[in-house]
Amino acid sequence: MRESLGDYKLLRRLAQGGMADIYLGRRTGLAGFTKHVAIKVLSAERAEDPDSRALFLDEARLAGLLEHENIASVLEVDVDAGVHFLAMEYVHGVDLRELLLQAQRRETSLPYEVSLAIVAAAADGLDHAHRRCTPDGAPLRLVHRDVSLSNLMVGHDGAVKVVDFGIAASALSRVTAPPGLVRGKAAYMSPEQCLGDALDLRTDVFALGVVLYELTTGMRCFGGANDFERMLAVVRGDYLPPHRLVPDYPLELEAVVAKALAPVVADRDPTAAALVDALLAVAATHRWALGASMIARTMRALYGEVPEPWAMTDAELAAAAAAALAAEAAPATDTRLAVTVRNAAVHSPRRLARGSVRFTRRGYALACDTRRACDPARSSSAS
């Protein structure tokens, strides 16, 4: 590992992916000024590819236009000795995938109000991104295209952040995907994304619906043995209704999930803001208080008081780094499956076998029984 990039000292690696690695960095200045950041470094292999470099710089340009409390901000983009990097806001917390795994380890589930608060905050941030304009005032037409559990962060203080606009499409994009090429994580793609069709902001609404389903049921929404089967399930709308997994699942919330997951684009919420309004209406019906304080209390219940990494000992840092690498998320799908999925969805009468799918650290596993809900806010009969 390099010791520094630009003005930043690299302290340790936080995560490793196919496109880039993330490091904890520190910048110091006059009078004891210290700023800790996350440093996203384009991998050496990807740096040799012009399209990968262009995507990386597209992300920097987009992030520079986004200023919202629920979007992780980018502070700087630079090149040091041929190494491209972004300096970003450091979020002291975990992604939603790790949060669900921690809840499973504790044999509990997230309270509904916490799940709704997280998704509403993420939707609020995405609505800001969807509404932004280019520097000359033209619509930005931004679509994240990779909204998923691993790209939504929750801080130990209750903050929610949308991260990784690395494959976002916008009016500023310099890289155009060839026909049939789909980018994203198969289980979170919209039907139109799976089919290689034109996308708009409602693709992100669909992905938020998947996240909402998974947070509130503790199960995967679209299962399958491989990306093809998962994409086929998405196109067919083949998922178990939430009440089949959680018997006391609120009907109003199930209706919100179903609308967000509508296979036909026109049947979905027209904007991320509309999804926020629907979630707030459900919360009001059940007198659930949504907000960062509720999320923070749940984080403390699941993790205790977690010191910031720069306050940890070397041994604690090493253990945390090993855990982060072990929890590395599966890479995004980047395959030419759109035509195959379209043909299978239209011509094959076979529906995928239905079964609940639980989360594992590196993928999917069939669950023979439904999730046991241990959250005191839910009925003890949910099993």
Protein backbone atom coordinates (compact mmCIF):
# COMPACT_ATOMS: atom_id res chain seq x y z
CA MET A 1 0.00 0.00 0.00
CA ARG A 2 1.24 3.49 -0.85
CA GLU A 3 1.93 5.76 2.11
CA SER A 4 0.32 8.83 0.59
CA LEU A 5 -1.60 10.29 -2.33
CA GLY A 6 -1.43 14.02 -2.96
CA ASP A 7 -1.77 15.79 0.38
CA TYR A 8 -3.30 12.75 2.07
CA LYS A 9 -1.58 10.12 4.21
CA LEU A 10 -3.12 6.69 3.66
CA LEU A 11 -3.85 4.99 7.00
CA ARG A 12 -5.45 1.69 5.95
CA ARG A 13 -7.59 0.05 3.29
CA LEU A 14 -11.31 0.11 4.01
CA ALA A 15 -12.62 -1.88 1.04
CA GLN A 16 -11.46 -3.49 -2.18
CA GLY A 17 -13.44 -3.78 -5.41
CA GLY A 18 -13.00 -4.54 -9.07
CA MET A 19 -13.07 -0.88 -10.11
CA ALA A 20 -11.37 0.86 -7.21
CA ASP A 21 -10.08 0.49 -3.66
CA ILE A 22 -11.14 2.66 -0.72
CA TYR A 23 -8.66 3.86 1.90
CA LEU A 24 -8.90 5.86 5.09
CA GLY A 25 -6.84 9.00 4.59
CA ARG A 26 -5.75 11.97 6.69
CA ARG A 27 -4.85 15.50 5.72
CA THR A 28 -3.07 17.82 8.14
CA GLY A 29 -2.39 21.53 8.07
CA LEU A 30 -1.57 24.60 10.11
CA ALA A 31 -2.39 24.89 13.82
CA GLY A 32 -3.08 21.17 14.20
CA PHE A 33 -5.72 21.05 11.47
CA THR A 34 -6.68 17.41 10.78
CA LYS A 35 -9.26 16.04 8.35
CA HIS A 36 -10.00 12.36 7.88
CA VAL A 37 -11.43 11.32 4.52
CA ALA A 38 -12.15 8.27 2.40
CA ILE A 39 -9.81 7.97 -0.59
CA LYS A 40 -11.16 6.14 -3.64
CA VAL A 41 -8.30 4.94 -5.82
CA LEU A 42 -8.80 3.69 -9.37
CA SER A 43 -7.17 0.27 -9.63
CA ALA A 44 -3.99 0.00 -11.69
CA GLU A 45 -5.64 -2.43 -14.10
CA ARG A 46 -8.65 -0.17 -14.65
CA ALA A 47 -6.43 2.89 -15.03
CA GLU A 48 -5.10 1.37 -18.27
CA ASP A 49 -8.61 1.35 -19.75
CA PRO A 50 -9.78 4.71 -21.21
CA ASP A 51 -13.45 3.95 -20.50
CA SER A 52 -12.71 3.14 -16.86
CA ARG A 53 -10.77 6.37 -16.46
CA ALA A 54 -13.60 8.28 -18.08
CA LEU A 55 -16.19 6.67 -15.76
CA PHE A 56 -14.03 7.57 -12.76
CA LEU A 57 -13.77 11.20 -13.85
CA ASP A 58 -17.49 11.26 -14.69
CA GLU A 59 -18.16 10.29 -11.08
CA ALA A 60 -15.99 13.18 -9.88
CA ARG A 61 -17.77 15.70 -12.12
CA LEU A 62 -21.20 14.48 -11.02
CA ALA A 63 -20.30 14.44 -7.33
CA GLY A 64 -19.11 18.03 -7.60
CA LEU A 65 -22.65 19.05 -8.55
CA LEU A 66 -24.32 17.25 -5.63
CA GLU A 67 -24.63 18.90 -2.23
CA HIS A 68 -27.03 17.09 0.06
CA GLU A 69 -26.85 15.74 3.59
CA ASN A 70 -27.77 12.25 2.34
CA ILE A 71 -25.10 12.06 -0.36
CA ALA A 72 -21.46 11.46 0.53
CA SER A 73 -19.62 14.52 -0.75
CA VAL A 74 -16.51 14.48 -2.91
CA LEU A 75 -13.87 16.94 -1.73
CA GLU A 76 -11.21 16.59 -4.40
CA VAL A 77 -10.18 14.69 -7.52
CA ASP A 78 -6.54 14.44 -8.52
CA VAL A 79 -3.80 12.33 -10.11
CA ASP A 80 -0.59 11.53 -8.23
CA ALA A 81 2.18 9.81 -10.20
CA GLY A 82 -0.39 8.39 -12.60
CA VAL A 83 -2.76 7.22 -9.83
CA HIS A 84 -6.30 8.65 -10.11
CA PHE A 85 -8.06 9.24 -6.79
CA LEU A 86 -11.06 10.92 -5.20
CA ALA A 87 -11.03 12.36 -1.68
CA MET A 88 -14.50 11.87 -0.23
CA GLU A 89 -16.41 12.41 2.99
CA TYR A 90 -15.65 9.60 5.42
CA VAL A 91 -18.77 7.94 6.84
CA HIS A 92 -18.14 6.38 10.24
CA GLY A 93 -20.55 3.49 9.92
CA VAL A 94 -21.48 0.48 7.78
CA ASP A 95 -23.32 -0.24 4.56
CA LEU A 96 -26.81 -1.71 4.71
CA ARG A 97 -25.60 -5.17 3.75
CA GLU A 98 -23.38 -5.29 6.82
CA LEU A 99 -26.18 -3.81 8.93
CA LEU A 100 -28.56 -6.63 7.98
CA LEU A 101 -25.86 -9.22 8.61
CA GLN A 102 -25.24 -7.74 12.07
CA ALA A 103 -28.96 -7.89 12.84
CA GLN A 104 -28.95 -11.56 11.80
CA ARG A 105 -25.94 -12.25 14.01
CA ARG A 106 -27.88 -10.73 16.91
CA GLU A 107 -30.94 -12.80 15.93
CA THR A 108 -33.08 -9.71 15.57
CA SER A 109 -34.48 -7.50 12.83
CA LEU A 110 -34.58 -3.80 12.09
CA PRO A 111 -37.61 -1.94 13.46
CA TYR A 112 -39.93 -0.79 10.69
CA GLU A 113 -39.40 2.87 11.57
CA VAL A 114 -35.64 2.47 11.20
CA SER A 115 -35.97 0.79 7.80
CA LEU A 116 -38.37 3.46 6.59
CA ALA A 117 -36.17 6.26 7.94
CA ILE A 118 -33.15 4.86 6.09
CA VAL A 119 -34.94 4.45 2.76
CA ALA A 120 -36.67 7.84 3.05
CA ALA A 121 -33.32 9.55 3.68
CA ALA A 122 -31.69 7.76 0.75
CA ALA A 123 -34.65 8.64 -1.48
CA ASP A 124 -34.37 12.27 -0.40
CA GLY A 125 -30.72 12.33 -1.43
CA LEU A 126 -31.46 10.65 -4.76
CA ASP A 127 -34.32 13.07 -5.44
CA HIS A 128 -31.79 15.91 -5.07
CA ALA A 129 -29.49 14.16 -7.57
CA HIS A 130 -32.35 13.55 -10.00
CA ARG A 131 -33.34 17.22 -9.96
CA ARG A 132 -29.89 18.74 -10.44
CA CYS A 133 -28.84 20.66 -13.54
CA THR A 134 -25.57 20.89 -15.43
CA PRO A 135 -23.38 23.99 -14.89
CA ASP A 136 -25.07 25.66 -17.89
CA GLY A 137 -28.55 25.05 -16.46
CA ALA A 138 -29.64 22.07 -18.58
CA PRO A 139 -31.28 19.07 -16.85
CA LEU A 140 -28.59 16.67 -15.58
CA ARG A 141 -30.87 13.63 -16.11
CA LEU A 142 -28.86 11.64 -13.57
CA VAL A 143 -29.65 7.99 -12.89
CA HIS A 144 -27.50 6.30 -10.23
CA ARG A 145 -28.02 2.80 -11.74
CA ASP A 146 -26.35 1.05 -8.80
CA VAL A 147 -28.55 1.73 -5.77
CA SER A 148 -28.15 -1.31 -3.52
CA LEU A 149 -27.50 -2.33 0.07
CA SER A 150 -23.75 -1.96 -0.42
CA ASN A 151 -24.06 1.59 -1.83
CA LEU A 152 -26.12 2.99 1.03
CA MET A 153 -24.19 3.81 4.20
CA VAL A 154 -25.50 4.33 7.73
CA GLY A 155 -23.36 6.21 10.23
CA HIS A 156 -23.17 5.32 13.89
CA ASP A 157 -24.63 8.80 14.45
CA GLY A 158 -27.72 7.89 12.39
CA ALA A 159 -26.69 9.67 9.19
CA VAL A 160 -27.65 8.02 5.89
CA LYS A 161 -25.48 8.51 2.80
CA VAL A 162 -25.83 7.46 -0.83
CA VAL A 163 -22.38 6.54 -2.15
CA ASP A 164 -20.67 5.41 -5.36
CA PHE A 165 -21.94 7.21 -8.45
CA GLY A 166 -19.29 5.30 -10.41
CA ILE A 167 -21.65 3.92 -13.08
CA ALA A 168 -24.25 6.70 -12.97
CA ALA A 169 -25.66 7.90 -16.27
CA SER A 170 -26.18 11.61 -16.89
CA ALA A 171 -26.08 14.34 -19.50
CA LEU A 172 -22.40 14.77 -18.63
CA SER A 173 -21.46 11.12 -19.16
CA ARG A 174 -18.59 10.65 -21.59
CA VAL A 175 -18.86 6.87 -21.73
CA THR A 176 -21.75 5.32 -23.66
CA ALA A 177 -22.38 1.64 -23.08
CA PRO A 178 -22.57 -0.45 -26.26
CA PRO A 179 -25.91 -2.11 -27.10
CA GLY A 180 -26.67 -5.09 -24.86
CA LEU A 181 -24.22 -4.09 -22.13
CA VAL A 182 -25.83 -3.76 -18.70
CA ARG A 183 -24.13 -2.33 -15.64
CA GLY A 184 -25.25 -2.74 -12.06
CA LYS A 185 -26.00 -5.49 -9.54
CA ALA A 186 -28.44 -7.99 -11.01
CA ALA A 187 -30.73 -8.28 -7.97
CA TYR A 188 -31.22 -4.48 -7.80
CA MET A 189 -31.62 -3.66 -11.49
CA SER A 190 -34.96 -2.51 -12.81
CA PRO A 191 -36.64 -4.60 -15.52
CA GLU A 192 -35.76 -1.99 -18.14
CA GLN A 193 -32.16 -2.02 -16.96
CA CYS A 194 -32.02 -5.81 -17.26
CA LEU A 195 -33.37 -5.58 -20.80
CA GLY A 196 -30.95 -2.87 -21.89
CA ASP A 197 -33.75 -0.35 -22.48
CA ALA A 198 -33.66 3.41 -21.93
CA LEU A 199 -33.55 4.45 -18.26
CA ASP A 200 -34.83 7.35 -16.22
CA LEU A 201 -34.97 8.19 -12.52
CA ARG A 202 -37.65 5.54 -11.92
CA THR A 203 -34.93 2.91 -12.28
CA ASP A 204 -33.52 4.23 -8.99
CA VAL A 205 -37.01 4.18 -7.46
CA PHE A 206 -37.23 0.48 -8.33
CA ALA A 207 -33.85 -0.21 -6.67
CA LEU A 208 -35.01 1.67 -3.56
CA GLY A 209 -38.05 -0.62 -3.55
CA VAL A 210 -35.75 -3.64 -3.50
CA VAL A 211 -33.78 -2.11 -0.61
CA LEU A 212 -37.01 -1.36 1.28
CA TYR A 213 -38.21 -4.94 0.78
CA GLU A 214 -34.93 -6.40 2.03
CA LEU A 215 -34.62 -4.12 5.06
CA THR A 216 -38.19 -4.79 6.19
CA THR A 217 -38.24 -8.55 5.57
CA GLY A 218 -34.58 -9.46 6.16
CA MET A 219 -34.69 -11.53 2.96
CA ARG A 220 -33.49 -11.12 -0.61
CA CYS A 221 -36.14 -9.76 -2.92
CA PHE A 222 -35.04 -11.36 -6.20
CA GLY A 223 -33.25 -14.68 -5.87
CA GLY A 224 -31.59 -17.03 -8.30
CA ALA A 225 -28.52 -19.21 -8.72
CA ASN A 226 -26.79 -16.69 -10.99
CA ASP A 227 -27.14 -13.22 -12.50
CA PHE A 228 -29.25 -14.52 -15.38
CA GLU A 229 -31.83 -16.07 -13.05
CA ARG A 230 -31.90 -13.01 -10.82
CA MET A 231 -32.42 -10.70 -13.81
CA LEU A 232 -35.15 -12.98 -15.14
CA ALA A 233 -36.90 -12.83 -11.76
CA VAL A 234 -36.70 -9.03 -11.87
CA VAL A 235 -38.20 -8.82 -15.37
CA ARG A 236 -41.03 -11.17 -14.38
CA GLY A 237 -41.67 -9.44 -11.06
CA ASP A 238 -41.13 -12.81 -9.38
CA TYR A 239 -40.76 -12.20 -5.64
CA LEU A 240 -42.56 -13.35 -2.52
CA PRO A 241 -44.99 -10.75 -1.13
CA PRO A 242 -43.61 -9.43 2.19
CA HIS A 243 -46.54 -10.76 4.23
CA ARG A 244 -45.53 -14.30 3.17
CA LEU A 245 -42.25 -13.76 5.02
CA VAL A 246 -43.43 -11.56 7.91
CA PRO A 247 -47.03 -12.40 8.89
CA ASP A 248 -47.65 -9.04 10.60
CA TYR A 249 -46.24 -7.01 7.71
CA PRO A 250 -48.30 -3.79 7.39
CA LEU A 251 -50.57 -3.82 4.35
CA GLU A 252 -49.95 -0.12 3.71
CA LEU A 253 -46.21 -0.72 3.60
CA GLU A 254 -46.64 -3.72 1.30
CA ALA A 255 -48.56 -1.49 -1.10
CA VAL A 256 -45.67 1.01 -1.11
CA VAL A 257 -43.19 -1.79 -1.83
CA ALA A 258 -45.38 -3.18 -4.64
CA LYS A 259 -45.68 0.21 -6.32
CA ALA A 260 -41.94 0.84 -6.20
CA LEU A 261 -41.33 -2.65 -7.64
CA ALA A 262 -43.89 -2.37 -10.42
CA PRO A 263 -42.46 -4.05 -13.57
CA VAL A 264 -44.09 -1.37 -15.76
CA VAL A 265 -42.24 1.92 -15.38
CA ALA A 266 -45.39 4.05 -15.56
CA ASP A 267 -46.91 2.19 -12.59
CA ARG A 268 -44.10 3.18 -10.20
CA ASP A 269 -43.75 6.28 -8.06
CA PRO A 270 -42.91 9.04 -10.56
CA THR A 271 -40.08 10.42 -8.40
CA ALA A 272 -38.01 9.51 -5.38
CA ALA A 273 -39.79 12.36 -3.57
CA ALA A 274 -43.12 10.62 -4.17
CA LEU A 275 -41.68 7.49 -2.54
CA VAL A 276 -40.64 9.60 0.46
CA ASP A 277 -44.20 10.94 0.75
CA ALA A 278 -45.60 7.41 0.64
CA LEU A 279 -43.23 6.27 3.39
CA LEU A 280 -44.09 9.26 5.56
CA ALA A 281 -47.79 8.48 5.13
CA VAL A 282 -47.24 4.90 6.32
CA ALA A 283 -45.20 6.15 9.27
CA ALA A 284 -47.93 8.62 10.21
CA THR A 285 -50.58 5.87 10.09
CA HIS A 286 -48.58 3.75 12.54
CA ARG A 287 -47.26 6.69 14.58
CA TRP A 288 -43.68 5.76 13.78
CA ALA A 289 -41.13 8.48 14.37
CA LEU A 290 -38.65 8.62 11.49
CA GLY A 291 -35.31 10.30 11.95
CA ALA A 292 -31.59 10.02 12.58
CA SER A 293 -32.01 9.61 16.34
CA MET A 294 -33.97 6.36 15.93
CA ILE A 295 -31.35 5.03 13.51
CA ALA A 296 -28.54 5.99 15.90
CA ARG A 297 -30.22 4.15 18.81
CA THR A 298 -30.51 1.03 16.68
CA MET A 299 -26.85 1.30 15.65
CA ARG A 300 -25.82 1.51 19.30
CA ALA A 301 -28.01 -1.49 20.15
CA LEU A 302 -26.39 -3.55 17.39
CA TYR A 303 -22.77 -2.35 17.60
CA GLY A 304 -22.32 -0.58 20.93
CA GLU A 305 -20.05 2.46 21.03
CA VAL A 306 -17.66 2.16 18.09
CA PRO A 307 -14.54 4.35 18.18
CA GLU A 308 -13.54 6.20 15.03
CA PRO A 309 -10.77 4.29 13.25
CA TRP A 310 -8.13 6.93 13.84
CA ALA A 311 -8.71 6.47 17.58
CA MET A 312 -8.09 2.69 17.40
CA THR A 313 -4.93 0.86 18.31
CA ASP A 314 -2.85 -0.82 15.58
CA ALA A 315 -4.24 -4.22 16.59
CA GLU A 316 -7.83 -2.94 16.42
CA LEU A 317 -7.15 -1.37 13.03
CA ALA A 318 -5.71 -4.63 11.71
CA ALA A 319 -8.74 -6.59 12.93
CA ALA A 320 -11.13 -4.06 11.39
CA ALA A 321 -9.26 -4.13 8.08
CA ALA A 322 -9.43 -7.93 7.98
CA ALA A 323 -13.16 -7.84 8.69
CA ALA A 324 -13.72 -5.24 5.95
CA LEU A 325 -11.91 -7.37 3.39
CA ALA A 326 -13.84 -10.47 4.44
CA ALA A 327 -17.09 -8.57 3.91
CA GLU A 328 -16.16 -7.40 0.42
CA ALA A 329 -19.32 -7.09 -1.68
CA ALA A 330 -19.85 -9.05 -4.87
CA PRO A 331 -18.79 -7.12 -7.98
CA ALA A 332 -21.36 -5.34 -10.08
CA THR A 333 -22.74 -7.20 -13.05
CA ASP A 334 -21.21 -6.07 -16.33
CA THR A 335 -22.46 -8.64 -18.83
CA ARG A 336 -24.23 -8.87 -22.16
CA LEU A 337 -27.32 -10.63 -20.82
CA ALA A 338 -30.03 -8.19 -21.91
CA VAL A 339 -31.07 -9.98 -25.12
CA THR A 340 -30.97 -13.41 -23.48
CA VAL A 341 -33.07 -12.22 -20.53
CA ARG A 342 -35.58 -10.57 -22.85
CA ASN A 343 -35.99 -13.76 -24.92
CA ALA A 344 -36.34 -15.95 -21.83
CA ALA A 345 -38.86 -13.62 -20.21
CA VAL A 346 -41.02 -13.54 -23.33
CA HIS A 347 -40.77 -17.11 -24.58
CA SER A 348 -40.28 -19.31 -21.52
CA PRO A 349 -43.42 -20.12 -19.52
CA ARG A 350 -41.37 -21.43 -16.60
CA ARG A 351 -41.32 -19.24 -13.54
CA LEU A 352 -38.36 -19.39 -11.21
CA ALA A 353 -38.82 -21.52 -8.13
CA ARG A 354 -40.03 -19.38 -5.28
CA GLY A 355 -38.30 -19.59 -1.96
CA SER A 356 -37.04 -17.18 0.64
CA VAL A 357 -33.40 -16.26 0.24
CA ARG A 358 -31.38 -15.05 3.18
CA PHE A 359 -28.32 -12.87 3.19
CA THR A 360 -24.83 -14.31 3.44
CA ARG A 361 -21.51 -12.52 3.52
CA ARG A 362 -20.74 -13.41 -0.07
CA GLY A 363 -23.99 -14.05 -1.84
CA TYR A 364 -27.24 -15.93 -1.50
CA ALA A 365 -28.45 -18.98 0.37
CA LEU A 366 -31.88 -20.58 0.23
CA ALA A 367 -33.73 -20.39 3.52
CA CYS A 368 -36.08 -23.26 4.35
CA ASP A 369 -38.08 -21.22 6.83
CA THR A 370 -39.04 -17.58 7.07
CA ARG A 371 -37.12 -15.09 9.11
CA ARG A 372 -37.82 -14.93 12.82
CA ALA A 373 -38.69 -11.35 13.74
CA CYS A 374 -37.27 -10.58 17.18
CA ASP A 375 -37.86 -6.85 17.07
CA PRO A 376 -40.12 -5.85 19.99
CA ALA A 377 -41.99 -3.42 17.75
CA ARG A 378 -43.42 -6.42 15.88
CA SER A 379 -45.72 -9.22 16.92
CA SER A 380 -44.00 -12.14 18.58
CA SER A 381 -46.05 -14.44 16.35
CA ALA A 382 -43.91 -13.56 13.31
CA SER A 383 -41.84 -16.68 12.76
